[in-house]
Amino acid sequence: MRKYLWGNHFWSPSYSAASCWGAPLPITKEYIENQRRPD
């Protein structure tokens, strides 16, 4: 089972966000880029 996990998830957070929201690609990209910025 571990070989299918990525960081204790079955898929990356960015993939799950895109697939769950159904958001347009530019909005999804902006969301992912904002996750990398420190507060």
PDB file of N, CA and C in Angstrom:
ATOM      1  N   MET A   1       0.819  -1.191   0.000  1.00  0.00           N
ATOM      2  CA  MET A   1       0.000   0.000   0.000  1.00  0.00           C
ATOM      3  C   MET A   1       0.864   1.258   0.000  1.00  0.00           C
ATOM      4  N   ARG A   2       1.978   1.258   0.714  1.00  0.00           N
ATOM      5  CA  ARG A   2       2.808   2.462   0.813  1.00  0.00           C
ATOM      6  C   ARG A   2       3.307   2.953  -0.542  1.00  0.00           C
ATOM      7  N   LYS A   3       3.516   2.053  -1.486  1.00  0.00           N
ATOM      8  CA  LYS A   3       4.027   2.497  -2.783  1.00  0.00           C
ATOM      9  C   LYS A   3       3.018   3.378  -3.523  1.00  0.00           C
ATOM     10  N   TYR A   4       1.741   3.339  -3.127  1.00  0.00           N
ATOM     11  CA  TYR A   4       0.722   4.169  -3.757  1.00  0.00           C
ATOM     12  C   TYR A   4       0.521   5.507  -3.045  1.00  0.00           C
ATOM     13  N   LEU A   5       1.122   5.661  -1.887  1.00  0.00           N
ATOM     14  CA  LEU A   5       0.936   6.893  -1.118  1.00  0.00           C
ATOM     15  C   LEU A   5       1.948   7.952  -1.525  1.00  0.00           C
ATOM     16  N   TRP A   6       1.527   9.208  -1.464  1.00  0.00           N
ATOM     17  CA  TRP A   6       2.405  10.350  -1.732  1.00  0.00           C
ATOM     18  C   TRP A   6       2.236  11.284  -0.545  1.00  0.00           C
ATOM     19  N   GLY A   7       3.193  11.276   0.384  1.00  0.00           N
ATOM     20  CA  GLY A   7       3.066  12.122   1.565  1.00  0.00           C
ATOM     21  C   GLY A   7       1.877  11.744   2.423  1.00  0.00           C
ATOM     22  N   ASN A   8       1.668  10.432   2.596  1.00  0.00           N
ATOM     23  CA  ASN A   8       0.553   9.894   3.371  1.00  0.00           C
ATOM     24  C   ASN A   8      -0.814  10.177   2.751  1.00  0.00           C
ATOM     25  N   HIS A   9      -0.839  10.477   1.460  1.00  0.00           N
ATOM     26  CA  HIS A   9      -2.082  10.686   0.713  1.00  0.00           C
ATOM     27  C   HIS A   9      -2.048   9.813  -0.534  1.00  0.00           C
ATOM     28  N   PHE A  10      -3.211   9.478  -1.063  1.00  0.00           N
ATOM     29  CA  PHE A  10      -3.266   8.705  -2.294  1.00  0.00           C
ATOM     30  C   PHE A  10      -2.953   9.559  -3.516  1.00  0.00           C
ATOM     31  N   TRP A  11      -3.077  10.860  -3.404  1.00  0.00           N
ATOM     32  CA  TRP A  11      -2.705  11.761  -4.486  1.00  0.00           C
ATOM     33  C   TRP A  11      -2.208  13.052  -3.870  1.00  0.00           C
ATOM     34  N   SER A  12      -1.574  13.886  -4.680  1.00  0.00           N
ATOM     35  CA  SER A  12      -1.031  15.129  -4.154  1.00  0.00           C
ATOM     36  C   SER A  12      -2.168  16.090  -3.810  1.00  0.00           C
ATOM     37  N   PRO A  13      -1.956  17.004  -2.858  1.00  0.00           N
ATOM     38  CA  PRO A  13      -2.991  17.980  -2.507  1.00  0.00           C
ATOM     39  C   PRO A  13      -3.429  18.833  -3.693  1.00  0.00           C
ATOM     40  N   SER A  14      -2.495  19.183  -4.575  1.00  0.00           N
ATOM     41  CA  SER A  14      -2.871  20.001  -5.729  1.00  0.00           C
ATOM     42  C   SER A  14      -3.798  19.240  -6.658  1.00  0.00           C
ATOM     43  N   TYR A  15      -3.557  17.954  -6.835  1.00  0.00           N
ATOM     44  CA  TYR A  15      -4.438  17.146  -7.687  1.00  0.00           C
ATOM     45  C   TYR A  15      -5.828  17.050  -7.072  1.00  0.00           C
ATOM     46  N   SER A  16      -5.882  16.807  -5.794  1.00  0.00           N
ATOM     47  CA  SER A  16      -7.192  16.655  -5.161  1.00  0.00           C
ATOM     48  C   SER A  16      -7.963  17.970  -5.178  1.00  0.00           C
ATOM     49  N   ALA A  17      -7.282  19.095  -5.021  1.00  0.00           N
ATOM     50  CA  ALA A  17      -7.956  20.390  -5.070  1.00  0.00           C
ATOM     51  C   ALA A  17      -8.537  20.637  -6.454  1.00  0.00           C
ATOM     52  N   ALA A  18      -7.762  20.346  -7.474  1.00  0.00           N
ATOM     53  CA  ALA A  18      -8.236  20.571  -8.841  1.00  0.00           C
ATOM     54  C   ALA A  18      -9.400  19.654  -9.176  1.00  0.00           C
ATOM     55  N   SER A  19      -9.321  18.426  -8.757  1.00  0.00           N
ATOM     56  CA  SER A  19     -10.376  17.484  -9.108  1.00  0.00           C
ATOM     57  C   SER A  19     -11.646  17.724  -8.292  1.00  0.00           C
ATOM     58  N   CYS A  20     -11.516  18.198  -7.079  1.00  0.00           N
ATOM     59  CA  CYS A  20     -12.690  18.424  -6.233  1.00  0.00           C
ATOM     60  C   CYS A  20     -13.394  19.726  -6.576  1.00  0.00           C
ATOM     61  N   TRP A  21     -12.641  20.759  -6.846  1.00  0.00           N
ATOM     62  CA  TRP A  21     -13.253  22.055  -7.106  1.00  0.00           C
ATOM     63  C   TRP A  21     -13.854  22.137  -8.493  1.00  0.00           C
ATOM     64  N   GLY A  22     -13.171  21.556  -9.463  1.00  0.00           N
ATOM     65  CA  GLY A  22     -13.573  21.764 -10.845  1.00  0.00           C
ATOM     66  C   GLY A  22     -13.276  23.187 -11.276  1.00  0.00           C
ATOM     67  N   ALA A  23     -12.323  23.832 -10.602  1.00  0.00           N
ATOM     68  CA  ALA A  23     -11.971  25.218 -10.883  1.00  0.00           C
ATOM     69  C   ALA A  23     -11.170  25.311 -12.182  1.00  0.00           C
ATOM     70  N   PRO A  24     -11.239  26.456 -12.855  1.00  0.00           N
ATOM     71  CA  PRO A  24     -10.415  26.663 -14.043  1.00  0.00           C
ATOM     72  C   PRO A  24      -8.931  26.565 -13.687  1.00  0.00           C
ATOM     73  N   LEU A  25      -8.133  26.141 -14.642  1.00  0.00           N
ATOM     74  CA  LEU A  25      -6.708  25.931 -14.410  1.00  0.00           C
ATOM     75  C   LEU A  25      -5.993  27.162 -13.854  1.00  0.00           C
ATOM     76  N   PRO A  26      -6.206  28.392 -14.367  1.00  0.00           N
ATOM     77  CA  PRO A  26      -5.500  29.554 -13.799  1.00  0.00           C
ATOM     78  C   PRO A  26      -5.793  29.769 -12.312  1.00  0.00           C
ATOM     79  N   ILE A  27      -7.014  29.520 -11.889  1.00  0.00           N
ATOM     80  CA  ILE A  27      -7.364  29.689 -10.476  1.00  0.00           C
ATOM     81  C   ILE A  27      -6.698  28.614  -9.635  1.00  0.00           C
ATOM     82  N   THR A  28      -6.686  27.400 -10.143  1.00  0.00           N
ATOM     83  CA  THR A  28      -6.021  26.305  -9.438  1.00  0.00           C
ATOM     84  C   THR A  28      -4.532  26.579  -9.324  1.00  0.00           C
ATOM     85  N   LYS A  29      -3.920  27.069 -10.397  1.00  0.00           N
ATOM     86  CA  LYS A  29      -2.487  27.396 -10.394  1.00  0.00           C
ATOM     87  C   LYS A  29      -2.190  28.479  -9.359  1.00  0.00           C
ATOM     88  N   GLU A  30      -3.012  29.514  -9.315  1.00  0.00           N
ATOM     89  CA  GLU A  30      -2.820  30.590  -8.338  1.00  0.00           C
ATOM     90  C   GLU A  30      -2.920  30.057  -6.912  1.00  0.00           C
ATOM     91  N   TYR A  31      -3.879  29.184  -6.671  1.00  0.00           N
ATOM     92  CA  TYR A  31      -4.042  28.584  -5.346  1.00  0.00           C
ATOM     93  C   TYR A  31      -2.787  27.812  -4.944  1.00  0.00           C
ATOM     94  N   ILE A  32      -2.265  27.000  -5.855  1.00  0.00           N
ATOM     95  CA  ILE A  32      -1.075  26.196  -5.563  1.00  0.00           C
ATOM     96  C   ILE A  32       0.124  27.097  -5.306  1.00  0.00           C
ATOM     97  N   GLU A  33       0.301  28.133  -6.128  1.00  0.00           N
ATOM     98  CA  GLU A  33       1.429  29.053  -5.941  1.00  0.00           C
ATOM     99  C   GLU A  33       1.333  29.783  -4.607  1.00  0.00           C
ATOM    100  N   ASN A  34       0.142  30.155  -4.188  1.00  0.00           N
ATOM    101  CA  ASN A  34      -0.033  30.848  -2.909  1.00  0.00           C
ATOM    102  C   ASN A  34       0.265  29.946  -1.724  1.00  0.00           C
ATOM    103  N   GLN A  35       0.155  28.640  -1.894  1.00  0.00           N
ATOM    104  CA  GLN A  35       0.466  27.707  -0.815  1.00  0.00           C
ATOM    105  C   GLN A  35       1.956  27.671  -0.517  1.00  0.00           C
ATOM    106  N   ARG A  36       2.785  28.084  -1.457  1.00  0.00           N
ATOM    107  CA  ARG A  36       4.244  28.056  -1.286  1.00  0.00           C
ATOM    108  C   ARG A  36       4.778  29.293  -0.576  1.00  0.00           C
ATOM    109  N   ARG A  37       3.972  30.347  -0.474  1.00  0.00           N
ATOM    110  CA  ARG A  37       4.434  31.609   0.112  1.00  0.00           C
ATOM    111  C   ARG A  37       4.290  31.593   1.626  1.00  0.00           C
ATOM    112  N   PRO A  38       5.345  32.039   2.327  1.00  0.00           N
ATOM    113  CA  PRO A  38       5.217  32.138   3.791  1.00  0.00           C
ATOM    114  C   PRO A  38       4.297  33.301   4.163  1.00  0.00           C
ATOM    115  N   ASP A  39       3.666  33.203   5.308  1.00  0.00           N
ATOM    116  CA  ASP A  39       2.777  34.276   5.783  1.00  0.00           C
ATOM    117  C   ASP A  39       3.568  35.474   6.240  1.00  0.00           C
TER     118      ASP A  39
END
